[in-house]
């Protein structure tokens, strides 16, 4: 590790633009996309802002760690799916759940009543063709100016990357699965 001197002055100019709702995208093959989105939701909720979280791959009855905590804090979180595709018994039904879920999420975004709307794991149904990309892009372009939208998932399409205000790509450097260590409650849930 190379030691460096701490900066003594700001190295970037202070932004002078107007505050507005942002589109924030967390993508890539590394861990932490949903976790980062949940952190933003907690930060906004901590400031008294209305937040809604939609999870496109979780079932409505899911009770993972984030569901338990968000319930305690009063942050609405809703599972819209029936699990990952490899667990589905009926992919047509899974596709319909995703489309119906998108209709709910789109209505929430367009209503403008929430400071932040999180669309967790939306890239799966988008990549599978279950939700039309143009519908998502149109909603993001036309949303009320004050609404922040956070999207997560691997392999975000170039059009979404272009539209987003902030894009973070989580890069996989090393993962415990590759060493044979299974998923663990409190880490992967």
N, C-alpha and C. Protein backbone atom coordinates (compact mmCIF):
# COMPACT_ATOMS: atom_id res chain seq x y z
N UNK A 1 0.84 -1.18 0.00
CA UNK A 1 0.00 0.00 0.00
C UNK A 1 0.89 1.24 0.00
N UNK A 2 0.51 2.18 -0.79
CA UNK A 2 1.24 3.44 -0.85
C UNK A 2 0.54 4.48 0.02
N UNK A 3 1.27 5.12 0.89
CA UNK A 3 0.72 6.16 1.76
C UNK A 3 0.63 7.45 0.96
N UNK A 4 -0.47 8.16 1.14
CA UNK A 4 -0.64 9.44 0.46
C UNK A 4 -1.06 10.51 1.44
N UNK A 5 -0.76 11.73 1.11
CA UNK A 5 -1.12 12.86 1.96
C UNK A 5 -2.61 13.15 1.80
N UNK A 6 -3.30 13.46 2.89
CA UNK A 6 -4.71 13.81 2.78
C UNK A 6 -4.87 15.14 2.04
N UNK A 7 -5.92 15.30 1.24
CA UNK A 7 -6.10 16.57 0.53
C UNK A 7 -6.39 17.70 1.51
N UNK A 8 -5.91 18.86 1.20
CA UNK A 8 -6.15 20.03 2.06
C UNK A 8 -7.08 21.03 1.38
N UNK A 9 -7.45 20.76 0.14
CA UNK A 9 -8.43 21.59 -0.55
C UNK A 9 -9.29 20.69 -1.44
N UNK A 10 -10.46 21.18 -1.77
CA UNK A 10 -11.39 20.42 -2.61
C UNK A 10 -10.77 20.23 -4.00
N UNK A 11 -10.81 18.99 -4.50
CA UNK A 11 -10.18 18.72 -5.80
C UNK A 11 -11.18 18.72 -6.96
N UNK A 12 -12.45 18.94 -6.66
CA UNK A 12 -13.46 19.07 -7.71
C UNK A 12 -14.29 20.33 -7.45
N UNK A 13 -14.78 20.96 -8.50
CA UNK A 13 -15.61 22.15 -8.28
C UNK A 13 -16.93 21.79 -7.60
N UNK A 14 -17.43 22.70 -6.79
CA UNK A 14 -18.71 22.47 -6.11
C UNK A 14 -19.83 22.62 -7.15
N UNK A 15 -20.73 21.61 -7.25
CA UNK A 15 -21.81 21.69 -8.23
C UNK A 15 -22.70 22.92 -7.98
N UNK A 16 -23.09 23.57 -9.05
CA UNK A 16 -23.91 24.77 -8.95
C UNK A 16 -25.33 24.56 -9.47
N UNK A 17 -25.64 23.37 -9.96
CA UNK A 17 -26.95 23.09 -10.55
C UNK A 17 -28.06 23.00 -9.51
N UNK A 18 -29.27 22.84 -10.03
CA UNK A 18 -30.46 22.71 -9.20
C UNK A 18 -30.63 21.27 -8.73
N UNK A 19 -31.07 21.09 -7.49
CA UNK A 19 -31.34 19.74 -6.99
C UNK A 19 -32.57 19.19 -7.70
N UNK A 20 -32.54 17.90 -8.02
CA UNK A 20 -33.66 17.24 -8.69
C UNK A 20 -33.59 15.75 -8.42
N UNK A 21 -34.66 15.06 -8.73
CA UNK A 21 -34.68 13.61 -8.59
C UNK A 21 -33.65 12.97 -9.51
N UNK A 22 -33.03 11.93 -9.03
CA UNK A 22 -31.98 11.24 -9.78
C UNK A 22 -32.38 9.82 -10.12
N UNK A 23 -31.79 9.30 -11.18
CA UNK A 23 -31.87 7.88 -11.50
C UNK A 23 -30.51 7.30 -11.14
N UNK A 24 -30.51 6.38 -10.17
CA UNK A 24 -29.28 5.75 -9.70
C UNK A 24 -29.32 4.27 -10.05
N UNK A 25 -28.27 3.79 -10.67
CA UNK A 25 -28.22 2.42 -11.16
C UNK A 25 -27.04 1.69 -10.54
N UNK A 26 -27.33 0.54 -9.92
CA UNK A 26 -26.29 -0.33 -9.35
C UNK A 26 -26.30 -1.61 -10.17
N UNK A 27 -25.22 -1.87 -10.89
CA UNK A 27 -25.15 -3.03 -11.77
C UNK A 27 -23.80 -3.71 -11.60
N UNK A 28 -23.54 -4.73 -12.39
CA UNK A 28 -22.27 -5.44 -12.34
C UNK A 28 -22.41 -6.80 -11.69
N UNK A 29 -21.33 -7.59 -11.78
CA UNK A 29 -21.34 -8.96 -11.27
C UNK A 29 -20.91 -9.07 -9.81
N UNK A 30 -20.49 -7.98 -9.21
CA UNK A 30 -20.06 -8.02 -7.82
C UNK A 30 -21.22 -7.94 -6.85
N UNK A 31 -20.94 -8.29 -5.61
CA UNK A 31 -21.93 -8.25 -4.54
C UNK A 31 -22.14 -6.82 -4.07
N UNK A 32 -23.36 -6.51 -3.65
CA UNK A 32 -23.61 -5.22 -3.01
C UNK A 32 -24.59 -4.31 -3.70
N UNK A 33 -25.18 -4.72 -4.80
CA UNK A 33 -26.10 -3.86 -5.54
C UNK A 33 -27.36 -3.55 -4.73
N UNK A 34 -28.01 -4.59 -4.26
CA UNK A 34 -29.22 -4.40 -3.44
C UNK A 34 -28.86 -3.73 -2.12
N UNK A 35 -27.77 -4.15 -1.53
CA UNK A 35 -27.34 -3.58 -0.25
C UNK A 35 -27.13 -2.08 -0.37
N UNK A 36 -26.51 -1.63 -1.46
CA UNK A 36 -26.31 -0.20 -1.67
C UNK A 36 -27.65 0.52 -1.84
N UNK A 37 -28.57 -0.10 -2.57
CA UNK A 37 -29.89 0.51 -2.75
C UNK A 37 -30.63 0.62 -1.42
N UNK A 38 -30.52 -0.43 -0.60
CA UNK A 38 -31.18 -0.39 0.71
C UNK A 38 -30.55 0.68 1.60
N UNK A 39 -29.26 0.88 1.48
CA UNK A 39 -28.60 1.94 2.22
C UNK A 39 -29.14 3.31 1.84
N UNK A 40 -29.37 3.53 0.55
CA UNK A 40 -29.96 4.79 0.11
C UNK A 40 -31.38 4.94 0.66
N UNK A 41 -32.14 3.85 0.65
CA UNK A 41 -33.50 3.89 1.19
C UNK A 41 -33.48 4.24 2.68
N UNK A 42 -32.56 3.66 3.43
CA UNK A 42 -32.44 3.97 4.86
C UNK A 42 -32.04 5.42 5.08
N UNK A 43 -31.11 5.90 4.28
CA UNK A 43 -30.66 7.29 4.39
C UNK A 43 -31.83 8.24 4.14
N UNK A 44 -32.61 7.99 3.09
CA UNK A 44 -33.76 8.86 2.78
C UNK A 44 -34.81 8.78 3.88
N UNK A 45 -35.11 7.56 4.33
CA UNK A 45 -36.09 7.39 5.40
C UNK A 45 -35.64 8.11 6.67
N UNK A 46 -34.34 8.04 6.95
CA UNK A 46 -33.80 8.73 8.12
C UNK A 46 -33.97 10.24 8.06
N UNK A 47 -34.13 10.78 6.87
CA UNK A 47 -34.39 12.21 6.68
C UNK A 47 -35.88 12.52 6.60
N UNK A 48 -36.71 11.49 6.91
CA UNK A 48 -38.15 11.72 6.92
C UNK A 48 -38.79 11.68 5.54
N UNK A 49 -38.10 11.13 4.56
CA UNK A 49 -38.61 11.07 3.19
C UNK A 49 -39.40 9.79 2.97
N UNK A 50 -40.42 9.86 2.14
CA UNK A 50 -41.22 8.70 1.80
C UNK A 50 -40.45 7.81 0.81
N UNK A 51 -40.35 6.53 1.15
CA UNK A 51 -39.60 5.56 0.35
C UNK A 51 -40.47 4.34 0.11
N UNK A 52 -40.37 3.75 -1.06
CA UNK A 52 -41.06 2.49 -1.38
C UNK A 52 -40.05 1.59 -2.07
N UNK A 53 -39.97 0.33 -1.64
CA UNK A 53 -39.05 -0.65 -2.21
C UNK A 53 -39.85 -1.75 -2.88
N UNK A 54 -39.56 -2.00 -4.14
CA UNK A 54 -40.14 -3.12 -4.87
C UNK A 54 -39.03 -4.11 -5.18
N UNK A 55 -39.27 -5.39 -4.92
CA UNK A 55 -38.30 -6.44 -5.23
C UNK A 55 -38.91 -7.35 -6.29
N UNK A 56 -38.31 -7.34 -7.47
CA UNK A 56 -38.89 -8.04 -8.60
C UNK A 56 -38.72 -9.55 -8.58
N UNK A 57 -37.81 -10.07 -7.80
CA UNK A 57 -37.60 -11.52 -7.77
C UNK A 57 -38.08 -12.16 -6.46
N UNK A 58 -38.34 -11.38 -5.44
CA UNK A 58 -38.78 -11.95 -4.16
C UNK A 58 -40.29 -12.17 -4.17
N UNK A 59 -40.73 -13.18 -3.44
CA UNK A 59 -42.15 -13.46 -3.31
C UNK A 59 -42.77 -12.46 -2.32
N UNK A 60 -44.07 -12.20 -2.44
CA UNK A 60 -44.71 -11.25 -1.53
C UNK A 60 -44.61 -11.63 -0.05
N UNK A 61 -44.46 -12.92 0.25
CA UNK A 61 -44.39 -13.36 1.65
C UNK A 61 -42.96 -13.46 2.17
N UNK A 62 -41.98 -12.98 1.42
CA UNK A 62 -40.57 -13.08 1.82
C UNK A 62 -40.34 -12.43 3.18
N UNK A 63 -39.46 -13.05 3.97
CA UNK A 63 -39.14 -12.53 5.32
C UNK A 63 -37.63 -12.49 5.50
N UNK A 64 -36.92 -11.97 4.51
CA UNK A 64 -35.47 -11.85 4.61
C UNK A 64 -35.14 -10.72 5.59
N UNK A 65 -33.86 -10.56 5.88
CA UNK A 65 -33.43 -9.55 6.86
C UNK A 65 -33.93 -8.16 6.54
N UNK A 66 -33.86 -7.76 5.26
CA UNK A 66 -34.30 -6.41 4.89
C UNK A 66 -35.80 -6.23 5.13
N UNK A 67 -36.59 -7.29 4.92
CA UNK A 67 -38.03 -7.18 5.15
C UNK A 67 -38.33 -6.95 6.63
N UNK A 68 -37.65 -7.69 7.47
CA UNK A 68 -37.87 -7.57 8.92
C UNK A 68 -37.49 -6.18 9.42
N UNK A 69 -36.34 -5.68 8.96
CA UNK A 69 -35.90 -4.35 9.40
C UNK A 69 -36.79 -3.26 8.83
N UNK A 70 -37.07 -3.31 7.53
CA UNK A 70 -37.90 -2.27 6.92
C UNK A 70 -39.28 -2.23 7.56
N UNK A 71 -39.82 -3.39 7.89
CA UNK A 71 -41.11 -3.44 8.58
C UNK A 71 -41.03 -2.72 9.93
N UNK A 72 -39.97 -2.97 10.68
CA UNK A 72 -39.79 -2.31 11.98
C UNK A 72 -39.68 -0.80 11.82
N UNK A 73 -39.03 -0.36 10.74
CA UNK A 73 -38.80 1.06 10.52
C UNK A 73 -39.97 1.76 9.82
N UNK A 74 -40.89 0.99 9.29
CA UNK A 74 -42.02 1.59 8.57
C UNK A 74 -41.71 1.93 7.12
N UNK A 75 -40.76 1.22 6.52
CA UNK A 75 -40.46 1.41 5.10
C UNK A 75 -41.17 0.31 4.33
N UNK A 76 -42.12 0.68 3.46
CA UNK A 76 -42.83 -0.37 2.72
C UNK A 76 -41.92 -1.07 1.72
N UNK A 77 -41.94 -2.40 1.75
CA UNK A 77 -41.17 -3.23 0.83
C UNK A 77 -42.10 -4.32 0.33
N UNK A 78 -42.10 -4.53 -0.98
CA UNK A 78 -43.04 -5.46 -1.58
C UNK A 78 -42.35 -6.38 -2.56
N UNK A 79 -42.51 -7.68 -2.33
CA UNK A 79 -42.05 -8.67 -3.28
C UNK A 79 -43.05 -8.80 -4.40
N UNK A 80 -42.57 -8.81 -5.63
CA UNK A 80 -43.45 -8.82 -6.79
C UNK A 80 -43.36 -10.10 -7.60
N UNK A 81 -42.43 -10.98 -7.26
CA UNK A 81 -42.17 -12.15 -8.09
C UNK A 81 -42.50 -13.46 -7.42
N UNK A 82 -41.95 -14.52 -8.00
CA UNK A 82 -42.13 -15.86 -7.42
C UNK A 82 -40.79 -16.58 -7.30
N UNK A 83 -39.72 -15.81 -7.12
CA UNK A 83 -38.40 -16.38 -6.96
C UNK A 83 -37.61 -16.34 -8.25
N UNK A 84 -36.41 -16.84 -8.20
CA UNK A 84 -35.56 -16.83 -9.38
C UNK A 84 -36.06 -17.83 -10.41
N UNK A 85 -35.79 -17.56 -11.67
CA UNK A 85 -36.36 -18.33 -12.78
C UNK A 85 -36.07 -19.82 -12.66
N UNK A 86 -34.90 -20.19 -12.18
CA UNK A 86 -34.57 -21.62 -12.08
C UNK A 86 -35.39 -22.34 -11.02
N UNK A 87 -36.11 -21.57 -10.19
CA UNK A 87 -36.99 -22.18 -9.20
C UNK A 87 -38.46 -22.15 -9.63
N UNK A 88 -38.74 -21.44 -10.71
CA UNK A 88 -40.13 -21.26 -11.16
C UNK A 88 -40.71 -22.55 -11.71
N UNK A 89 -41.97 -22.77 -11.41
CA UNK A 89 -42.70 -23.91 -11.99
C UNK A 89 -43.43 -23.49 -13.26
N UNK A 90 -43.56 -22.17 -13.47
CA UNK A 90 -44.33 -21.67 -14.61
C UNK A 90 -43.76 -20.30 -15.00
N UNK A 91 -42.89 -20.30 -16.00
CA UNK A 91 -42.22 -19.06 -16.40
C UNK A 91 -43.19 -18.04 -17.00
N UNK A 92 -44.28 -18.51 -17.61
CA UNK A 92 -45.28 -17.56 -18.11
C UNK A 92 -45.92 -16.81 -16.95
N UNK A 93 -46.18 -17.53 -15.86
CA UNK A 93 -46.73 -16.90 -14.65
C UNK A 93 -45.70 -15.92 -14.06
N UNK A 94 -44.43 -16.32 -14.03
CA UNK A 94 -43.37 -15.44 -13.54
C UNK A 94 -43.32 -14.15 -14.36
N UNK A 95 -43.43 -14.29 -15.68
CA UNK A 95 -43.41 -13.13 -16.57
C UNK A 95 -44.60 -12.21 -16.29
N UNK A 96 -45.76 -12.80 -16.06
CA UNK A 96 -46.95 -11.98 -15.79
C UNK A 96 -46.81 -11.26 -14.45
N UNK A 97 -46.25 -11.94 -13.45
CA UNK A 97 -46.01 -11.29 -12.15
C UNK A 97 -45.09 -10.08 -12.33
N UNK A 98 -44.04 -10.24 -13.13
CA UNK A 98 -43.10 -9.14 -13.36
C UNK A 98 -43.80 -7.96 -14.04
N UNK A 99 -44.61 -8.25 -15.04
CA UNK A 99 -45.32 -7.20 -15.76
C UNK A 99 -46.32 -6.49 -14.85
N UNK A 100 -47.05 -7.27 -14.05
CA UNK A 100 -48.00 -6.69 -13.09
C UNK A 100 -47.25 -5.87 -12.04
N UNK A 101 -46.10 -6.39 -11.60
CA UNK A 101 -45.29 -5.66 -10.63
C UNK A 101 -44.79 -4.35 -11.20
N UNK A 102 -44.36 -4.37 -12.45
CA UNK A 102 -43.90 -3.13 -13.08
C UNK A 102 -45.04 -2.12 -13.15
N UNK A 103 -46.25 -2.57 -13.42
CA UNK A 103 -47.39 -1.65 -13.46
C UNK A 103 -47.56 -0.95 -12.10
N UNK A 104 -47.40 -1.70 -11.02
CA UNK A 104 -47.47 -1.10 -9.66
C UNK A 104 -46.35 -0.09 -9.45
N UNK A 105 -45.14 -0.52 -9.77
CA UNK A 105 -43.98 0.35 -9.55
C UNK A 105 -44.07 1.61 -10.41
N UNK A 106 -44.47 1.45 -11.66
CA UNK A 106 -44.60 2.60 -12.55
C UNK A 106 -45.63 3.58 -12.02
N UNK A 107 -46.77 3.07 -11.54
CA UNK A 107 -47.80 3.94 -10.97
C UNK A 107 -47.27 4.70 -9.76
N UNK A 108 -46.48 4.03 -8.93
CA UNK A 108 -45.90 4.69 -7.76
C UNK A 108 -44.94 5.80 -8.18
N UNK A 109 -44.09 5.51 -9.15
CA UNK A 109 -43.14 6.52 -9.62
C UNK A 109 -43.88 7.72 -10.20
N UNK A 110 -44.81 7.46 -11.09
CA UNK A 110 -45.53 8.54 -11.77
C UNK A 110 -46.41 9.36 -10.83
N UNK A 111 -46.89 8.75 -9.74
CA UNK A 111 -47.74 9.47 -8.78
C UNK A 111 -46.97 10.58 -8.07
N UNK A 112 -45.65 10.40 -7.92
CA UNK A 112 -44.83 11.46 -7.33
C UNK A 112 -44.97 11.64 -5.83
N UNK A 113 -45.56 10.67 -5.14
CA UNK A 113 -45.75 10.79 -3.70
C UNK A 113 -44.57 10.31 -2.88
N UNK A 114 -43.63 9.63 -3.51
CA UNK A 114 -42.46 9.10 -2.82
C UNK A 114 -41.20 9.84 -3.26
N UNK A 115 -40.38 10.15 -2.31
CA UNK A 115 -39.07 10.76 -2.57
C UNK A 115 -38.19 9.79 -3.33
N UNK A 116 -38.28 8.49 -2.95
CA UNK A 116 -37.43 7.47 -3.56
C UNK A 116 -38.22 6.19 -3.78
N UNK A 117 -38.02 5.61 -4.96
CA UNK A 117 -38.58 4.30 -5.29
C UNK A 117 -37.42 3.41 -5.70
N UNK A 118 -37.29 2.27 -5.02
CA UNK A 118 -36.24 1.30 -5.31
C UNK A 118 -36.84 0.17 -6.14
N UNK A 119 -36.20 -0.14 -7.27
CA UNK A 119 -36.60 -1.24 -8.14
C UNK A 119 -35.51 -2.30 -8.07
N UNK A 120 -35.57 -3.11 -7.02
CA UNK A 120 -34.53 -4.08 -6.74
C UNK A 120 -34.65 -5.29 -7.67
N UNK A 121 -33.52 -5.67 -8.25
CA UNK A 121 -33.42 -6.83 -9.13
C UNK A 121 -34.31 -6.72 -10.37
N UNK A 122 -34.55 -5.51 -10.83
CA UNK A 122 -35.39 -5.31 -12.01
C UNK A 122 -34.70 -5.76 -13.30
N UNK A 123 -33.38 -5.89 -13.30
CA UNK A 123 -32.67 -6.28 -14.53
C UNK A 123 -33.02 -7.70 -14.96
N UNK A 124 -33.36 -8.59 -14.01
CA UNK A 124 -33.72 -9.96 -14.41
C UNK A 124 -34.95 -9.95 -15.32
N UNK A 125 -36.10 -9.46 -14.87
CA UNK A 125 -37.27 -9.48 -15.76
C UNK A 125 -37.08 -8.60 -17.01
N UNK A 126 -36.27 -7.59 -16.91
CA UNK A 126 -35.98 -6.76 -18.08
C UNK A 126 -35.20 -7.57 -19.11
N UNK A 127 -34.14 -8.25 -18.68
CA UNK A 127 -33.31 -9.05 -19.59
C UNK A 127 -34.06 -10.25 -20.16
N UNK A 128 -35.02 -10.78 -19.39
CA UNK A 128 -35.79 -11.93 -19.87
C UNK A 128 -36.88 -11.52 -20.86
N UNK A 129 -37.06 -10.20 -21.05
CA UNK A 129 -38.09 -9.71 -21.96
C UNK A 129 -39.47 -9.68 -21.33
N UNK A 130 -39.55 -9.81 -20.01
CA UNK A 130 -40.84 -9.81 -19.32
C UNK A 130 -41.38 -8.40 -19.14
N UNK A 131 -40.48 -7.41 -19.08
CA UNK A 131 -40.86 -6.00 -18.98
C UNK A 131 -40.19 -5.29 -20.16
N UNK A 132 -40.94 -4.52 -20.94
CA UNK A 132 -40.33 -3.83 -22.08
C UNK A 132 -39.40 -2.70 -21.62
N UNK A 133 -38.20 -2.68 -22.16
CA UNK A 133 -37.23 -1.64 -21.81
C UNK A 133 -37.79 -0.25 -22.06
N UNK A 134 -38.46 -0.05 -23.18
CA UNK A 134 -38.97 1.29 -23.51
C UNK A 134 -39.96 1.79 -22.47
N UNK A 135 -40.73 0.89 -21.87
CA UNK A 135 -41.68 1.28 -20.83
C UNK A 135 -40.94 1.85 -19.61
N UNK A 136 -39.85 1.20 -19.24
CA UNK A 136 -39.05 1.67 -18.10
C UNK A 136 -38.38 3.00 -18.43
N UNK A 137 -37.79 3.09 -19.61
CA UNK A 137 -37.11 4.33 -20.02
C UNK A 137 -38.10 5.49 -20.07
N UNK A 138 -39.29 5.26 -20.63
CA UNK A 138 -40.29 6.32 -20.72
C UNK A 138 -40.71 6.78 -19.32
N UNK A 139 -40.94 5.84 -18.43
CA UNK A 139 -41.33 6.20 -17.06
C UNK A 139 -40.25 7.02 -16.37
N UNK A 140 -39.01 6.62 -16.54
CA UNK A 140 -37.91 7.36 -15.90
C UNK A 140 -37.78 8.77 -16.48
N UNK A 141 -37.95 8.89 -17.78
CA UNK A 141 -37.86 10.22 -18.42
C UNK A 141 -39.01 11.13 -18.01
N UNK A 142 -40.20 10.55 -17.85
CA UNK A 142 -41.42 11.32 -17.61
C UNK A 142 -41.79 11.44 -16.13
N UNK A 143 -41.02 10.86 -15.24
CA UNK A 143 -41.38 10.87 -13.82
C UNK A 143 -41.39 12.31 -13.28
N UNK A 144 -42.12 12.55 -12.19
CA UNK A 144 -42.08 13.86 -11.56
C UNK A 144 -40.64 14.24 -11.19
N UNK A 145 -40.31 15.49 -11.33
CA UNK A 145 -38.93 15.97 -11.21
C UNK A 145 -38.28 15.67 -9.86
N UNK A 146 -39.07 15.52 -8.80
CA UNK A 146 -38.50 15.34 -7.47
C UNK A 146 -38.29 13.88 -7.09
N UNK A 147 -38.69 12.94 -7.92
CA UNK A 147 -38.65 11.51 -7.57
C UNK A 147 -37.29 10.89 -7.94
N UNK A 148 -36.66 10.29 -6.96
CA UNK A 148 -35.42 9.53 -7.16
C UNK A 148 -35.79 8.07 -7.40
N UNK A 149 -35.15 7.43 -8.36
CA UNK A 149 -35.40 6.02 -8.64
C UNK A 149 -34.06 5.28 -8.62
N UNK A 150 -34.02 4.18 -7.85
CA UNK A 150 -32.81 3.37 -7.74
C UNK A 150 -33.13 2.01 -8.36
N UNK A 151 -32.30 1.58 -9.32
CA UNK A 151 -32.48 0.30 -10.00
C UNK A 151 -31.28 -0.58 -9.74
N UNK A 152 -31.53 -1.88 -9.55
CA UNK A 152 -30.42 -2.80 -9.31
C UNK A 152 -30.50 -4.01 -10.24
N UNK A 153 -29.36 -4.61 -10.47
CA UNK A 153 -29.29 -5.86 -11.20
C UNK A 153 -28.13 -5.92 -12.16
N UNK A 154 -27.72 -7.13 -12.47
CA UNK A 154 -26.59 -7.38 -13.37
C UNK A 154 -26.96 -7.02 -14.80
N UNK A 155 -25.93 -6.69 -15.56
CA UNK A 155 -26.07 -6.50 -17.01
C UNK A 155 -27.13 -5.48 -17.41
N UNK A 156 -27.06 -4.31 -16.82
CA UNK A 156 -27.98 -3.25 -17.20
C UNK A 156 -27.78 -2.90 -18.67
N UNK A 157 -28.86 -2.70 -19.42
CA UNK A 157 -28.71 -2.36 -20.83
C UNK A 157 -28.10 -0.98 -21.02
N UNK A 158 -27.41 -0.81 -22.13
CA UNK A 158 -26.72 0.46 -22.43
C UNK A 158 -27.66 1.65 -22.38
N UNK A 159 -28.89 1.47 -22.83
CA UNK A 159 -29.86 2.58 -22.84
C UNK A 159 -30.16 3.06 -21.42
N UNK A 160 -30.21 2.15 -20.49
CA UNK A 160 -30.47 2.51 -19.09
C UNK A 160 -29.24 3.17 -18.48
N UNK A 161 -28.07 2.66 -18.80
CA UNK A 161 -26.82 3.27 -18.33
C UNK A 161 -26.74 4.71 -18.84
N UNK A 162 -27.09 4.92 -20.09
CA UNK A 162 -27.05 6.26 -20.68
C UNK A 162 -28.02 7.21 -20.00
N UNK A 163 -29.21 6.73 -19.68
CA UNK A 163 -30.24 7.58 -19.07
C UNK A 163 -29.94 7.93 -17.61
N UNK A 164 -29.33 7.01 -16.89
CA UNK A 164 -29.11 7.19 -15.45
C UNK A 164 -28.18 8.36 -15.16
N UNK A 165 -28.40 8.99 -14.01
CA UNK A 165 -27.55 10.09 -13.54
C UNK A 165 -26.29 9.57 -12.88
N UNK A 166 -26.42 8.49 -12.14
CA UNK A 166 -25.29 7.87 -11.45
C UNK A 166 -25.33 6.37 -11.70
N UNK A 167 -24.23 5.84 -12.17
CA UNK A 167 -24.12 4.40 -12.43
C UNK A 167 -22.92 3.88 -11.67
N UNK A 168 -23.16 2.87 -10.86
CA UNK A 168 -22.08 2.20 -10.14
C UNK A 168 -22.05 0.76 -10.58
N UNK A 169 -20.88 0.31 -11.02
CA UNK A 169 -20.73 -1.08 -11.41
C UNK A 169 -19.95 -1.80 -10.34
N UNK A 170 -20.61 -2.75 -9.70
CA UNK A 170 -19.98 -3.58 -8.68
C UNK A 170 -19.14 -4.63 -9.41
N UNK A 171 -17.86 -4.65 -9.14
CA UNK A 171 -16.95 -5.56 -9.82
C UNK A 171 -16.62 -6.73 -8.90
N UNK A 172 -16.76 -7.93 -9.43
CA UNK A 172 -16.41 -9.12 -8.67
C UNK A 172 -14.90 -9.29 -8.68
N UNK A 173 -14.32 -9.25 -7.51
CA UNK A 173 -12.88 -9.49 -7.36
C UNK A 173 -12.67 -10.90 -6.80
N UNK A 174 -13.49 -11.24 -5.81
CA UNK A 174 -13.38 -12.54 -5.15
C UNK A 174 -14.72 -12.82 -4.48
N UNK A 175 -15.17 -14.07 -4.50
CA UNK A 175 -16.45 -14.40 -3.88
C UNK A 175 -16.33 -15.71 -3.11
N UNK A 176 -16.90 -15.73 -1.93
CA UNK A 176 -16.81 -16.93 -1.07
C UNK A 176 -17.46 -18.16 -1.69
N UNK A 177 -18.44 -18.00 -2.58
CA UNK A 177 -19.05 -19.16 -3.25
C UNK A 177 -17.97 -19.97 -3.97
N UNK A 178 -17.01 -19.29 -4.58
CA UNK A 178 -15.96 -19.97 -5.35
C UNK A 178 -15.05 -20.81 -4.46
N UNK A 179 -15.05 -20.54 -3.16
CA UNK A 179 -14.28 -21.34 -2.21
C UNK A 179 -15.16 -22.41 -1.56
N UNK A 180 -16.41 -22.54 -2.06
CA UNK A 180 -17.31 -23.55 -1.54
C UNK A 180 -18.10 -23.15 -0.32
N UNK A 181 -18.06 -21.88 0.06
CA UNK A 181 -18.80 -21.40 1.23
C UNK A 181 -20.20 -20.99 0.77
N UNK A 182 -21.25 -21.60 1.32
CA UNK A 182 -22.62 -21.31 0.88
C UNK A 182 -23.11 -19.94 1.36
N UNK A 183 -24.28 -19.55 0.82
CA UNK A 183 -24.94 -18.31 1.26
C UNK A 183 -25.23 -18.37 2.76
N UNK A 184 -25.21 -17.20 3.40
CA UNK A 184 -25.42 -17.15 4.84
C UNK A 184 -26.44 -16.08 5.17
N UNK A 185 -27.35 -16.41 6.08
CA UNK A 185 -28.35 -15.43 6.53
C UNK A 185 -27.63 -14.24 7.14
N UNK A 186 -28.12 -13.07 6.79
CA UNK A 186 -27.51 -11.84 7.28
C UNK A 186 -26.45 -11.30 6.33
N UNK A 187 -26.01 -12.11 5.38
CA UNK A 187 -25.05 -11.66 4.36
C UNK A 187 -25.72 -11.64 2.99
N UNK A 188 -26.32 -12.76 2.60
CA UNK A 188 -26.97 -12.85 1.29
C UNK A 188 -28.46 -12.59 1.34
N UNK A 189 -29.06 -12.45 2.49
CA UNK A 189 -30.50 -12.22 2.51
C UNK A 189 -30.78 -10.83 2.96
